[in-house]
């Protein structure tokens, strides 16, 4: 007959505490990797904006060592409707300047829907 293993409550509590700590640490590592991937995607988009003749304005956050793009100025550039998905690579975008461009009204409306708190300058 197998004897039942008796575990003291204090040991059970410690095991549960360490299990929760490991779970939290795992979540933090996954979140950091996600942010790192977003930042790499953002940097690729910054290069595309520069290639179009635009410029970006960055703002750093206290929690992150890197600066996120908060404003994109594409005024007077040759940006087309097909190039607009570039802007989705900027998760913290607050302002876009699209004056003197050939962006359709439909794409401007789509941009307003994609970002909740964005200021779009057009015309």
PDB file of N, CA and C in Angstrom:
ATOM      1  N   UNK A   1       0.833  -1.159   0.000  1.00  0.00           N
ATOM      2  CA  UNK A   1       0.000   0.000   0.000  1.00  0.00           C
ATOM      3  C   UNK A   1       0.894   1.244   0.000  1.00  0.00           C
ATOM      4  N   UNK A   2       0.500   2.222  -0.839  1.00  0.00           N
ATOM      5  CA  UNK A   2       1.278   3.455  -0.933  1.00  0.00           C
ATOM      6  C   UNK A   2       0.922   4.388   0.216  1.00  0.00           C
ATOM      7  N   UNK A   3       1.947   4.918   0.803  1.00  0.00           N
ATOM      8  CA  UNK A   3       1.714   5.882   1.886  1.00  0.00           C
ATOM      9  C   UNK A   3       1.425   7.254   1.278  1.00  0.00           C
ATOM     10  N   UNK A   4       0.566   7.966   1.890  1.00  0.00           N
ATOM     11  CA  UNK A   4       0.223   9.309   1.427  1.00  0.00           C
ATOM     12  C   UNK A   4       1.314  10.281   1.881  1.00  0.00           C
ATOM     13  N   UNK A   5       1.742  11.128   0.942  1.00  0.00           N
ATOM     14  CA  UNK A   5       2.772  12.112   1.265  1.00  0.00           C
ATOM     15  C   UNK A   5       2.090  13.310   1.905  1.00  0.00           C
ATOM     16  N   UNK A   6       2.573  13.675   3.037  1.00  0.00           N
ATOM     17  CA  UNK A   6       2.006  14.799   3.769  1.00  0.00           C
ATOM     18  C   UNK A   6       2.917  16.006   3.569  1.00  0.00           C
ATOM     19  N   UNK A   7       2.318  17.088   3.083  1.00  0.00           N
ATOM     20  CA  UNK A   7       3.071  18.316   2.864  1.00  0.00           C
ATOM     21  C   UNK A   7       2.565  19.362   3.848  1.00  0.00           C
ATOM     22  N   UNK A   8       3.482  19.991   4.521  1.00  0.00           N
ATOM     23  CA  UNK A   8       3.111  21.004   5.501  1.00  0.00           C
ATOM     24  C   UNK A   8       2.471  22.203   4.791  1.00  0.00           C
ATOM     25  N   UNK A   9       1.520  22.875   5.437  1.00  0.00           N
ATOM     26  CA  UNK A   9       0.881  24.043   4.835  1.00  0.00           C
ATOM     27  C   UNK A   9       1.864  25.139   4.457  1.00  0.00           C
ATOM     28  N   UNK A  10       2.912  25.343   5.255  1.00  0.00           N
ATOM     29  CA  UNK A  10       3.881  26.398   4.944  1.00  0.00           C
ATOM     30  C   UNK A  10       4.627  26.083   3.642  1.00  0.00           C
ATOM     31  N   UNK A  11       4.924  24.811   3.405  1.00  0.00           N
ATOM     32  CA  UNK A  11       5.591  24.401   2.163  1.00  0.00           C
ATOM     33  C   UNK A  11       4.647  24.606   0.988  1.00  0.00           C
ATOM     34  N   UNK A  12       3.382  24.236   1.171  1.00  0.00           N
ATOM     35  CA  UNK A  12       2.374  24.420   0.126  1.00  0.00           C
ATOM     36  C   UNK A  12       2.254  25.901  -0.247  1.00  0.00           C
ATOM     37  N   UNK A  13       2.263  26.763   0.754  1.00  0.00           N
ATOM     38  CA  UNK A  13       2.155  28.199   0.535  1.00  0.00           C
ATOM     39  C   UNK A  13       3.361  28.709  -0.254  1.00  0.00           C
ATOM     40  N   UNK A  14       4.549  28.249   0.107  1.00  0.00           N
ATOM     41  CA  UNK A  14       5.759  28.672  -0.605  1.00  0.00           C
ATOM     42  C   UNK A  14       5.739  28.214  -2.054  1.00  0.00           C
ATOM     43  N   UNK A  15       5.330  26.986  -2.276  1.00  0.00           N
ATOM     44  CA  UNK A  15       5.254  26.464  -3.650  1.00  0.00           C
ATOM     45  C   UNK A  15       4.259  27.289  -4.464  1.00  0.00           C
ATOM     46  N   UNK A  16       3.114  27.602  -3.881  1.00  0.00           N
ATOM     47  CA  UNK A  16       2.115  28.413  -4.585  1.00  0.00           C
ATOM     48  C   UNK A  16       2.661  29.804  -4.876  1.00  0.00           C
ATOM     49  N   UNK A  17       3.368  30.393  -3.914  1.00  0.00           N
ATOM     50  CA  UNK A  17       3.932  31.723  -4.089  1.00  0.00           C
ATOM     51  C   UNK A  17       4.967  31.727  -5.218  1.00  0.00           C
ATOM     52  N   UNK A  18       5.846  30.735  -5.244  1.00  0.00           N
ATOM     53  CA  UNK A  18       6.855  30.655  -6.298  1.00  0.00           C
ATOM     54  C   UNK A  18       6.225  30.377  -7.654  1.00  0.00           C
ATOM     55  N   UNK A  19       5.156  29.614  -7.681  1.00  0.00           N
ATOM     56  CA  UNK A  19       4.450  29.348  -8.942  1.00  0.00           C
ATOM     57  C   UNK A  19       3.855  30.637  -9.508  1.00  0.00           C
ATOM     58  N   UNK A  20       3.255  31.425  -8.636  1.00  0.00           N
ATOM     59  CA  UNK A  20       2.686  32.709  -9.073  1.00  0.00           C
ATOM     60  C   UNK A  20       3.794  33.647  -9.540  1.00  0.00           C
ATOM     61  N   UNK A  21       4.896  33.681  -8.814  1.00  0.00           N
ATOM     62  CA  UNK A  21       6.024  34.534  -9.204  1.00  0.00           C
ATOM     63  C   UNK A  21       6.566  34.133 -10.572  1.00  0.00           C
ATOM     64  N   UNK A  22       6.690  32.834 -10.825  1.00  0.00           N
ATOM     65  CA  UNK A  22       7.173  32.354 -12.124  1.00  0.00           C
ATOM     66  C   UNK A  22       6.202  32.729 -13.236  1.00  0.00           C
ATOM     67  N   UNK A  23       4.920  32.640 -12.971  1.00  0.00           N
ATOM     68  CA  UNK A  23       3.901  33.005 -13.955  1.00  0.00           C
ATOM     69  C   UNK A  23       3.979  34.492 -14.284  1.00  0.00           C
ATOM     70  N   UNK A  24       4.107  35.331 -13.264  1.00  0.00           N
ATOM     71  CA  UNK A  24       4.217  36.776 -13.482  1.00  0.00           C
ATOM     72  C   UNK A  24       5.475  37.111 -14.263  1.00  0.00           C
ATOM     73  N   UNK A  25       6.579  36.490 -13.918  1.00  0.00           N
ATOM     74  CA  UNK A  25       7.828  36.718 -14.639  1.00  0.00           C
ATOM     75  C   UNK A  25       7.695  36.321 -16.101  1.00  0.00           C
ATOM     76  N   UNK A  26       7.070  35.189 -16.357  1.00  0.00           N
ATOM     77  CA  UNK A  26       6.846  34.749 -17.729  1.00  0.00           C
ATOM     78  C   UNK A  26       6.011  35.742 -18.516  1.00  0.00           C
ATOM     79  N   UNK A  27       4.979  36.292 -17.896  1.00  0.00           N
ATOM     80  CA  UNK A  27       4.134  37.294 -18.556  1.00  0.00           C
ATOM     81  C   UNK A  27       4.926  38.561 -18.866  1.00  0.00           C
ATOM     82  N   UNK A  28       5.776  38.975 -17.936  1.00  0.00           N
ATOM     83  CA  UNK A  28       6.594  40.169 -18.159  1.00  0.00           C
ATOM     84  C   UNK A  28       7.570  39.968 -19.315  1.00  0.00           C
ATOM     85  N   UNK A  29       8.168  38.805 -19.392  1.00  0.00           N
ATOM     86  CA  UNK A  29       9.103  38.509 -20.482  1.00  0.00           C
ATOM     87  C   UNK A  29       8.370  38.531 -21.823  1.00  0.00           C
ATOM     88  N   UNK A  30       7.191  37.932 -21.878  1.00  0.00           N
ATOM     89  CA  UNK A  30       6.415  37.942 -23.123  1.00  0.00           C
ATOM     90  C   UNK A  30       6.030  39.356 -23.521  1.00  0.00           C
ATOM     91  N   UNK A  31       5.631  40.182 -22.567  1.00  0.00           N
ATOM     92  CA  UNK A  31       5.254  41.564 -22.860  1.00  0.00           C
ATOM     93  C   UNK A  31       6.457  42.349 -23.359  1.00  0.00           C
ATOM     94  N   UNK A  32       7.614  42.146 -22.756  1.00  0.00           N
ATOM     95  CA  UNK A  32       8.823  42.836 -23.200  1.00  0.00           C
ATOM     96  C   UNK A  32       9.158  42.456 -24.640  1.00  0.00           C
ATOM     97  N   UNK A  33       9.037  41.184 -24.951  1.00  0.00           N
ATOM     98  CA  UNK A  33       9.316  40.743 -26.327  1.00  0.00           C
ATOM     99  C   UNK A  33       8.332  41.358 -27.311  1.00  0.00           C
ATOM    100  N   UNK A  34       7.068  41.477 -26.902  1.00  0.00           N
ATOM    101  CA  UNK A  34       6.057  42.081 -27.761  1.00  0.00           C
ATOM    102  C   UNK A  34       6.401  43.549 -28.022  1.00  0.00           C
ATOM    103  N   UNK A  35       6.794  44.268 -26.981  1.00  0.00           N
ATOM    104  CA  UNK A  35       7.162  45.676 -27.136  1.00  0.00           C
ATOM    105  C   UNK A  35       8.396  45.793 -28.020  1.00  0.00           C
ATOM    106  N   UNK A  36       9.352  44.911 -27.834  1.00  0.00           N
ATOM    107  CA  UNK A  36      10.571  44.921 -28.637  1.00  0.00           C
ATOM    108  C   UNK A  36      10.238  44.711 -30.113  1.00  0.00           C
ATOM    109  N   UNK A  37       9.318  43.801 -30.414  1.00  0.00           N
ATOM    110  CA  UNK A  37       8.902  43.540 -31.790  1.00  0.00           C
ATOM    111  C   UNK A  37       8.187  44.753 -32.367  1.00  0.00           C
ATOM    112  N   UNK A  38       7.311  45.377 -31.578  1.00  0.00           N
ATOM    113  CA  UNK A  38       6.615  46.585 -32.036  1.00  0.00           C
ATOM    114  C   UNK A  38       7.612  47.675 -32.366  1.00  0.00           C
ATOM    115  N   UNK A  39       8.644  47.823 -31.532  1.00  0.00           N
ATOM    116  CA  UNK A  39       9.629  48.870 -31.767  1.00  0.00           C
ATOM    117  C   UNK A  39      10.417  48.602 -33.045  1.00  0.00           C
ATOM    118  N   UNK A  40      10.777  47.342 -33.306  1.00  0.00           N
ATOM    119  CA  UNK A  40      11.482  47.006 -34.541  1.00  0.00           C
ATOM    120  C   UNK A  40      10.612  47.303 -35.753  1.00  0.00           C
ATOM    121  N   UNK A  41       9.325  46.976 -35.677  1.00  0.00           N
ATOM    122  CA  UNK A  41       8.393  47.270 -36.761  1.00  0.00           C
ATOM    123  C   UNK A  41       8.291  48.779 -36.958  1.00  0.00           C
ATOM    124  N   UNK A  42       8.267  49.518 -35.852  1.00  0.00           N
ATOM    125  CA  UNK A  42       8.196  50.971 -35.939  1.00  0.00           C
ATOM    126  C   UNK A  42       9.424  51.522 -36.656  1.00  0.00           C
ATOM    127  N   UNK A  43      10.589  51.001 -36.346  1.00  0.00           N
ATOM    128  CA  UNK A  43      11.820  51.495 -36.965  1.00  0.00           C
ATOM    129  C   UNK A  43      11.823  51.249 -38.474  1.00  0.00           C
ATOM    130  N   UNK A  44      11.278  50.133 -38.912  1.00  0.00           N
ATOM    131  CA  UNK A  44      11.154  49.869 -40.351  1.00  0.00           C
ATOM    132  C   UNK A  44      10.226  50.889 -40.996  1.00  0.00           C
ATOM    133  N   UNK A  45       9.132  51.219 -40.311  1.00  0.00           N
ATOM    134  CA  UNK A  45       8.186  52.203 -40.830  1.00  0.00           C
ATOM    135  C   UNK A  45       8.799  53.600 -40.862  1.00  0.00           C
ATOM    136  N   UNK A  46       9.637  53.925 -39.882  1.00  0.00           N
ATOM    137  CA  UNK A  46      10.322  55.224 -39.868  1.00  0.00           C
ATOM    138  C   UNK A  46      11.195  55.357 -41.113  1.00  0.00           C
ATOM    139  N   UNK A  47      11.874  54.293 -41.485  1.00  0.00           N
ATOM    140  CA  UNK A  47      12.708  54.310 -42.692  1.00  0.00           C
ATOM    141  C   UNK A  47      11.853  54.535 -43.941  1.00  0.00           C
ATOM    142  N   UNK A  48      10.662  53.938 -43.979  1.00  0.00           N
ATOM    143  CA  UNK A  48       9.769  54.127 -45.123  1.00  0.00           C
ATOM    144  C   UNK A  48       9.253  55.560 -45.192  1.00  0.00           C
ATOM    145  N   UNK A  49       8.923  56.129 -44.031  1.00  0.00           N
ATOM    146  CA  UNK A  49       8.474  57.526 -43.993  1.00  0.00           C
ATOM    147  C   UNK A  49       9.589  58.442 -44.492  1.00  0.00           C
ATOM    148  N   UNK A  50      10.819  58.181 -44.069  1.00  0.00           N
ATOM    149  CA  UNK A  50      11.957  58.983 -44.522  1.00  0.00           C
ATOM    150  C   UNK A  50      12.162  58.844 -46.025  1.00  0.00           C
ATOM    151  N   UNK A  51      11.969  57.637 -46.548  1.00  0.00           N
ATOM    152  CA  UNK A  51      12.114  57.413 -47.990  1.00  0.00           C
ATOM    153  C   UNK A  51      11.058  58.184 -48.789  1.00  0.00           C
ATOM    154  N   UNK A  52       9.894  58.389 -48.190  1.00  0.00           N
ATOM    155  CA  UNK A  52       8.831  59.166 -48.845  1.00  0.00           C
ATOM    156  C   UNK A  52       9.078  60.674 -48.738  1.00  0.00           C
ATOM    157  N   UNK A  53      10.055  61.060 -47.923  1.00  0.00           N
ATOM    158  CA  UNK A  53      10.352  62.475 -47.740  1.00  0.00           C
ATOM    159  C   UNK A  53       9.706  63.066 -46.499  1.00  0.00           C
ATOM    160  N   UNK A  54       9.154  62.229 -45.656  1.00  0.00           N
ATOM    161  CA  UNK A  54       8.500  62.701 -44.437  1.00  0.00           C
ATOM    162  C   UNK A  54       9.443  62.698 -43.256  1.00  0.00           C
ATOM    163  N   UNK A  55       8.915  63.135 -42.117  1.00  0.00           N
ATOM    164  CA  UNK A  55       9.719  63.121 -40.895  1.00  0.00           C
ATOM    165  C   UNK A  55       8.836  62.699 -39.730  1.00  0.00           C
ATOM    166  N   UNK A  56       9.480  62.260 -38.674  1.00  0.00           N
ATOM    167  CA  UNK A  56       8.753  61.793 -37.488  1.00  0.00           C
ATOM    168  C   UNK A  56       9.226  62.558 -36.263  1.00  0.00           C
ATOM    169  N   UNK A  57       8.340  62.649 -35.290  1.00  0.00           N
ATOM    170  CA  UNK A  57       8.678  63.234 -33.993  1.00  0.00           C
ATOM    171  C   UNK A  57       8.462  62.144 -32.965  1.00  0.00           C
ATOM    172  N   UNK A  58       9.442  61.982 -32.089  1.00  0.00           N
ATOM    173  CA  UNK A  58       9.409  60.909 -31.088  1.00  0.00           C
ATOM    174  C   UNK A  58       9.225  61.477 -29.692  1.00  0.00           C
ATOM    175  N   UNK A  59       8.683  60.625 -28.842  1.00  0.00           N
ATOM    176  CA  UNK A  59       8.587  60.961 -27.420  1.00  0.00           C
ATOM    177  C   UNK A  59       8.934  59.704 -26.645  1.00  0.00           C
ATOM    178  N   UNK A  60       9.846  59.848 -25.705  1.00  0.00           N
ATOM    179  CA  UNK A  60      10.209  58.679 -24.905  1.00  0.00           C
ATOM    180  C   UNK A  60       9.268  58.573 -23.717  1.00  0.00           C
ATOM    181  N   UNK A  61       9.149  57.385 -23.215  1.00  0.00           N
ATOM    182  CA  UNK A  61       8.332  57.151 -22.035  1.00  0.00           C
ATOM    183  C   UNK A  61       9.246  56.828 -20.871  1.00  0.00           C
ATOM    184  N   UNK A  62       8.739  56.986 -19.698  1.00  0.00           N
ATOM    185  CA  UNK A  62       9.537  56.733 -18.494  1.00  0.00           C
ATOM    186  C   UNK A  62       9.894  55.257 -18.397  1.00  0.00           C
ATOM    187  N   UNK A  63       8.952  54.394 -18.769  1.00  0.00           N
ATOM    188  CA  UNK A  63       9.164  52.959 -18.590  1.00  0.00           C
ATOM    189  C   UNK A  63      10.075  52.344 -19.636  1.00  0.00           C
ATOM    190  N   UNK A  64      10.164  52.958 -20.800  1.00  0.00           N
ATOM    191  CA  UNK A  64      10.919  52.346 -21.897  1.00  0.00           C
ATOM    192  C   UNK A  64      12.140  53.191 -22.227  1.00  0.00           C
ATOM    193  N   UNK A  65      13.189  52.543 -22.627  1.00  0.00           N
ATOM    194  CA  UNK A  65      14.403  53.259 -22.970  1.00  0.00           C
ATOM    195  C   UNK A  65      14.335  53.856 -24.364  1.00  0.00           C
ATOM    196  N   UNK A  66      13.420  53.381 -25.194  1.00  0.00           N
ATOM    197  CA  UNK A  66      13.311  53.833 -26.579  1.00  0.00           C
ATOM    198  C   UNK A  66      12.211  54.878 -26.721  1.00  0.00           C
ATOM    199  N   UNK A  67      12.314  55.686 -27.748  1.00  0.00           N
ATOM    200  CA  UNK A  67      11.330  56.727 -27.995  1.00  0.00           C
ATOM    201  C   UNK A  67      10.346  56.260 -29.073  1.00  0.00           C
ATOM    202  N   UNK A  68       9.076  56.452 -28.787  1.00  0.00           N
ATOM    203  CA  UNK A  68       8.028  56.056 -29.725  1.00  0.00           C
ATOM    204  C   UNK A  68       7.638  57.238 -30.601  1.00  0.00           C
ATOM    205  N   UNK A  69       7.264  56.954 -31.823  1.00  0.00           N
ATOM    206  CA  UNK A  69       6.824  57.994 -32.745  1.00  0.00           C
ATOM    207  C   UNK A  69       5.422  58.442 -32.343  1.00  0.00           C
ATOM    208  N   UNK A  70       5.259  59.754 -32.159  1.00  0.00           N
ATOM    209  CA  UNK A  70       3.957  60.298 -31.790  1.00  0.00           C
ATOM    210  C   UNK A  70       3.398  61.221 -32.873  1.00  0.00           C
ATOM    211  N   UNK A  71       4.263  61.657 -33.783  1.00  0.00           N
ATOM    212  CA  UNK A  71       3.808  62.545 -34.855  1.00  0.00           C
ATOM    213  C   UNK A  71       4.534  62.207 -36.151  1.00  0.00           C
ATOM    214  N   UNK A  72       3.771  62.210 -37.249  1.00  0.00           N
ATOM    215  CA  UNK A  72       4.345  61.963 -38.569  1.00  0.00           C
ATOM    216  C   UNK A  72       3.959  63.132 -39.466  1.00  0.00           C
ATOM    217  N   UNK A  73       4.957  63.742 -40.104  1.00  0.00           N
ATOM    218  CA  UNK A  73       4.723  64.845 -41.025  1.00  0.00           C
ATOM    219  C   UNK A  73       5.024  64.352 -42.439  1.00  0.00           C
ATOM    220  N   UNK A  74       3.967  64.193 -43.221  1.00  0.00           N
ATOM    221  CA  UNK A  74       4.108  63.752 -44.606  1.00  0.00           C
ATOM    222  C   UNK A  74       3.642  64.837 -45.573  1.00  0.00           C
ATOM    223  N   UNK A  75       3.559  66.071 -45.084  1.00  0.00           N
ATOM    224  CA  UNK A  75       3.068  67.159 -45.930  1.00  0.00           C
ATOM    225  C   UNK A  75       3.996  67.383 -47.125  1.00  0.00           C
ATOM    226  N   UNK A  76       3.389  67.551 -48.265  1.00  0.00           N
ATOM    227  CA  UNK A  76       4.142  67.820 -49.486  1.00  0.00           C
ATOM    228  C   UNK A  76       4.908  66.640 -50.041  1.00  0.00           C
ATOM    229  N   UNK A  77       4.645  65.453 -49.558  1.00  0.00           N
ATOM    230  CA  UNK A  77       5.347  64.261 -50.053  1.00  0.00           C
ATOM    231  C   UNK A  77       4.495  63.563 -51.106  1.00  0.00           C
ATOM    232  N   UNK A  78       5.028  62.564 -51.695  1.00  0.00           N
ATOM    233  CA  UNK A  78       4.318  61.803 -52.721  1.00  0.00           C
ATOM    234  C   UNK A  78       3.569  60.600 -52.170  1.00  0.00           C
ATOM    235  N   UNK A  79       3.144  60.668 -50.925  1.00  0.00           N
ATOM    236  CA  UNK A  79       2.443  59.532 -50.324  1.00  0.00           C
ATOM    237  C   UNK A  79       1.126  59.284 -51.060  1.00  0.00           C
ATOM    238  N   UNK A  80       0.810  58.003 -51.219  1.00  0.00           N
ATOM    239  CA  UNK A  80      -0.431  57.600 -51.895  1.00  0.00           C
ATOM    240  C   UNK A  80      -1.285  56.806 -50.920  1.00  0.00           C
ATOM    241  N   UNK A  81      -2.498  56.531 -51.334  1.00  0.00           N
ATOM    242  CA  UNK A  81      -3.392  55.719 -50.499  1.00  0.00           C
ATOM    243  C   UNK A  81      -2.768  54.366 -50.164  1.00  0.00           C
ATOM    244  N   UNK A  82      -2.047  53.802 -51.118  1.00  0.00           N
ATOM    245  CA  UNK A  82      -1.436  52.481 -50.918  1.00  0.00           C
ATOM    246  C   UNK A  82      -0.344  52.508 -49.845  1.00  0.00           C
ATOM    247  N   UNK A  83       0.210  53.689 -49.561  1.00  0.00           N
ATOM    248  CA  UNK A  83       1.268  53.808 -48.555  1.00  0.00           C
ATOM    249  C   UNK A  83       0.733  53.997 -47.138  1.00  0.00           C
ATOM    250  N   UNK A  84      -0.549  54.241 -46.988  1.00  0.00           N
ATOM    251  CA  UNK A  84      -1.126  54.566 -45.689  1.00  0.00           C
ATOM    252  C   UNK A  84      -0.977  53.478 -44.616  1.00  0.00           C
ATOM    253  N   UNK A  85      -0.922  52.191 -44.962  1.00  0.00           N
ATOM    254  CA  UNK A  85      -0.725  51.182 -43.911  1.00  0.00           C
ATOM    255  C   UNK A  85       0.563  51.355 -43.104  1.00  0.00           C
ATOM    256  N   UNK A  86       1.500  52.135 -43.595  1.00  0.00           N
ATOM    257  CA  UNK A  86       2.724  52.421 -42.839  1.00  0.00           C
ATOM    258  C   UNK A  86       2.362  52.993 -41.470  1.00  0.00           C
ATOM    259  N   UNK A  87       1.342  53.821 -41.424  1.00  0.00           N
ATOM    260  CA  UNK A  87       0.977  54.508 -40.183  1.00  0.00           C
ATOM    261  C   UNK A  87       0.502  53.557 -39.090  1.00  0.00           C
ATOM    262  N   UNK A  88       0.034  52.385 -39.468  1.00  0.00           N
ATOM    263  CA  UNK A  88      -0.421  51.422 -38.456  1.00  0.00           C
ATOM    264  C   UNK A  88       0.745  50.849 -37.642  1.00  0.00           C
ATOM    265  N   UNK A  89       1.964  51.105 -38.077  1.00  0.00           N
ATOM    266  CA  UNK A  89       3.150  50.638 -37.348  1.00  0.00           C
ATOM    267  C   UNK A  89       3.520  51.535 -36.183  1.00  0.00           C
ATOM    268  N   UNK A  90       2.766  52.621 -36.003  1.00  0.00           N
ATOM    269  CA  UNK A  90       3.043  53.568 -34.924  1.00  0.00           C
ATOM    270  C   UNK A  90       1.931  53.483 -33.884  1.00  0.00           C
ATOM    271  N   UNK A  91       2.085  52.648 -32.858  1.00  0.00           N
ATOM    272  CA  UNK A  91       1.001  52.431 -31.889  1.00  0.00           C
ATOM    273  C   UNK A  91       0.651  53.648 -31.041  1.00  0.00           C
ATOM    274  N   UNK A  92       1.555  54.614 -30.920  1.00  0.00           N
ATOM    275  CA  UNK A  92       1.309  55.784 -30.072  1.00  0.00           C
ATOM    276  C   UNK A  92       1.140  57.068 -30.884  1.00  0.00           C
ATOM    277  N   UNK A  93       0.764  56.925 -32.135  1.00  0.00           N
ATOM    278  CA  UNK A  93       0.619  58.069 -33.032  1.00  0.00           C
ATOM    279  C   UNK A  93      -0.496  58.995 -32.555  1.00  0.00           C
ATOM    280  N   UNK A  94      -0.182  60.294 -32.474  1.00  0.00           N
ATOM    281  CA  UNK A  94      -1.150  61.283 -32.006  1.00  0.00           C
ATOM    282  C   UNK A  94      -1.495  62.316 -33.074  1.00  0.00           C
ATOM    283  N   UNK A  95      -0.589  62.545 -34.019  1.00  0.00           N
ATOM    284  CA  UNK A  95      -0.814  63.591 -35.023  1.00  0.00           C
ATOM    285  C   UNK A  95      -0.184  63.174 -36.344  1.00  0.00           C
ATOM    286  N   UNK A  96      -0.923  63.455 -37.429  1.00  0.00           N
ATOM    287  CA  UNK A  96      -0.427  63.188 -38.783  1.00  0.00           C
ATOM    288  C   UNK A  96      -0.684  64.425 -39.628  1.00  0.00           C
ATOM    289  N   UNK A  97       0.346  64.890 -40.307  1.00  0.00           N
ATOM    290  CA  UNK A  97       0.207  66.037 -41.202  1.00  0.00           C
ATOM    291  C   UNK A  97       0.231  65.514 -42.632  1.00  0.00           C
ATOM    292  N   UNK A  98      -0.900  65.649 -43.315  1.00  0.00           N
ATOM    293  CA  UNK A  98      -1.026  65.162 -44.692  1.00  0.00           C
ATOM    294  C   UNK A  98      -1.393  66.289 -45.656  1.00  0.00           C
ATOM    295  N   UNK A  99      -1.008  67.513 -45.321  1.00  0.00           N
ATOM    296  CA  UNK A  99      -1.287  68.633 -46.225  1.00  0.00           C
ATOM    297  C   UNK A  99      -0.523  68.461 -47.528  1.00  0.00           C
ATOM    298  N   UNK A 100      -1.137  68.946 -48.602  1.00  0.00           N
ATOM    299  CA  UNK A 100      -0.535  68.920 -49.941  1.00  0.00           C
ATOM    300  C   UNK A 100      -0.144  67.503 -50.372  1.00  0.00           C
ATOM    301  N   UNK A 101      -1.010  66.561 -50.081  1.00  0.00           N
ATOM    302  CA  UNK A 101      -0.814  65.180 -50.539  1.00  0.00           C
ATOM    303  C   UNK A 101      -2.046  64.754 -51.322  1.00  0.00           C
ATOM    304  N   UNK A 102      -1.956  63.606 -51.951  1.00  0.00           N
ATOM    305  CA  UNK A 102      -3.070  63.090 -52.751  1.00  0.00           C
ATOM    306  C   UNK A 102      -3.811  61.961 -52.052  1.00  0.00           C
ATOM    307  N   UNK A 103      -3.944  62.057 -50.748  1.00  0.00           N
ATOM    308  CA  UNK A 103      -4.656  61.031 -49.980  1.00  0.00           C
ATOM    309  C   UNK A 103      -6.160  61.272 -50.123  1.00  0.00           C
ATOM    310  N   UNK A 104      -6.890  60.211 -50.428  1.00  0.00           N
ATOM    311  CA  UNK A 104      -8.339  60.339 -50.614  1.00  0.00           C
ATOM    312  C   UNK A 104      -9.052  60.553 -49.286  1.00  0.00           C
ATOM    313  N   UNK A 105     -10.239  61.132 -49.355  1.00  0.00           N
ATOM    314  CA  UNK A 105     -11.048  61.352 -48.145  1.00  0.00           C
ATOM    315  C   UNK A 105     -11.378  60.032 -47.453  1.00  0.00           C
ATOM    316  N   UNK A 106     -11.590  58.995 -48.247  1.00  0.00           N
ATOM    317  CA  UNK A 106     -11.901  57.672 -47.677  1.00  0.00           C
ATOM    318  C   UNK A 106     -10.756  57.187 -46.798  1.00  0.00           C
ATOM    319  N   UNK A 107      -9.519  57.337 -47.284  1.00  0.00           N
ATOM    320  CA  UNK A 107      -8.356  56.909 -46.488  1.00  0.00           C
ATOM    321  C   UNK A 107      -8.190  57.764 -45.230  1.00  0.00           C
ATOM    322  N   UNK A 108      -8.511  59.045 -45.331  1.00  0.00           N
ATOM    323  CA  UNK A 108      -8.445  59.905 -44.152  1.00  0.00           C
ATOM    324  C   UNK A 108      -9.456  59.456 -43.105  1.00  0.00           C
ATOM    325  N   UNK A 109     -10.653  59.083 -43.549  1.00  0.00           N
ATOM    326  CA  UNK A 109     -11.675  58.588 -42.624  1.00  0.00           C
ATOM    327  C   UNK A 109     -11.239  57.275 -41.988  1.00  0.00           C
ATOM    328  N   UNK A 110     -10.665  56.377 -42.796  1.00  0.00           N
ATOM    329  CA  UNK A 110     -10.171  55.106 -42.267  1.00  0.00           C
ATOM    330  C   UNK A 110      -9.084  55.343 -41.213  1.00  0.00           C
ATOM    331  N   UNK A 111      -8.228  56.325 -41.459  1.00  0.00           N
ATOM    332  CA  UNK A 111      -7.168  56.648 -40.513  1.00  0.00           C
ATOM    333  C   UNK A 111      -7.758  57.133 -39.193  1.00  0.00           C
ATOM    334  N   UNK A 112      -8.790  57.956 -39.269  1.00  0.00           N
ATOM    335  CA  UNK A 112      -9.451  58.442 -38.065  1.00  0.00           C
ATOM    336  C   UNK A 112     -10.096  57.337 -37.262  1.00  0.00           C
ATOM    337  N   UNK A 113     -10.597  56.308 -37.950  1.00  0.00           N
ATOM    338  CA  UNK A 113     -11.212  55.167 -37.267  1.00  0.00           C
ATOM    339  C   UNK A 113     -10.143  54.272 -36.648  1.00  0.00           C
ATOM    340  N   UNK A 114      -9.022  54.119 -37.310  1.00  0.00           N
ATOM    341  CA  UNK A 114      -7.951  53.233 -36.832  1.00  0.00           C
ATOM    342  C   UNK A 114      -7.315  53.734 -35.537  1.00  0.00           C
ATOM    343  N   UNK A 115      -7.220  55.048 -35.391  1.00  0.00           N
ATOM    344  CA  UNK A 115      -6.607  55.640 -34.200  1.00  0.00           C
ATOM    345  C   UNK A 115      -7.678  56.426 -33.462  1.00  0.00           C
ATOM    346  N   UNK A 116      -7.856  56.135 -32.192  1.00  0.00           N
ATOM    347  CA  UNK A 116      -8.936  56.776 -31.435  1.00  0.00           C
ATOM    348  C   UNK A 116      -8.666  58.250 -31.151  1.00  0.00           C
ATOM    349  N   UNK A 117      -7.487  58.593 -30.699  1.00  0.00           N
ATOM    350  CA  UNK A 117      -7.166  59.981 -30.341  1.00  0.00           C
ATOM    351  C   UNK A 117      -6.079  60.510 -31.252  1.00  0.00           C
ATOM    352  N   UNK A 118      -6.443  60.813 -32.491  1.00  0.00           N
ATOM    353  CA  UNK A 118      -5.447  61.295 -33.434  1.00  0.00           C
ATOM    354  C   UNK A 118      -5.908  62.611 -34.033  1.00  0.00           C
ATOM    355  N   UNK A 119      -4.949  63.478 -34.270  1.00  0.00           N
ATOM    356  CA  UNK A 119      -5.205  64.748 -34.932  1.00  0.00           C
ATOM    357  C   UNK A 119      -4.679  64.625 -36.349  1.00  0.00           C
ATOM    358  N   UNK A 120      -5.577  64.772 -37.318  1.00  0.00           N
ATOM    359  CA  UNK A 120      -5.192  64.652 -38.720  1.00  0.00           C
ATOM    360  C   UNK A 120      -5.248  66.041 -39.352  1.00  0.00           C
ATOM    361  N   UNK A 121      -4.126  66.483 -39.893  1.00  0.00           N
ATOM    362  CA  UNK A 121      -4.064  67.774 -40.565  1.00  0.00           C
ATOM    363  C   UNK A 121      -4.031  67.485 -42.058  1.00  0.00           C
ATOM    364  N   UNK A 122      -5.063  67.929 -42.757  1.00  0.00           N
ATOM    365  CA  UNK A 122      -5.147  67.750 -44.209  1.00  0.00           C
ATOM    366  C   UNK A 122      -5.752  69.019 -44.811  1.00  0.00           C
ATOM    367  N   UNK A 123      -5.285  69.404 -45.962  1.00  0.00           N
ATOM    368  CA  UNK A 123      -5.747  70.613 -46.666  1.00  0.00           C
ATOM    369  C   UNK A 123      -5.041  71.797 -46.160  1.00  0.00           C
TER     370      UNK A 123
END
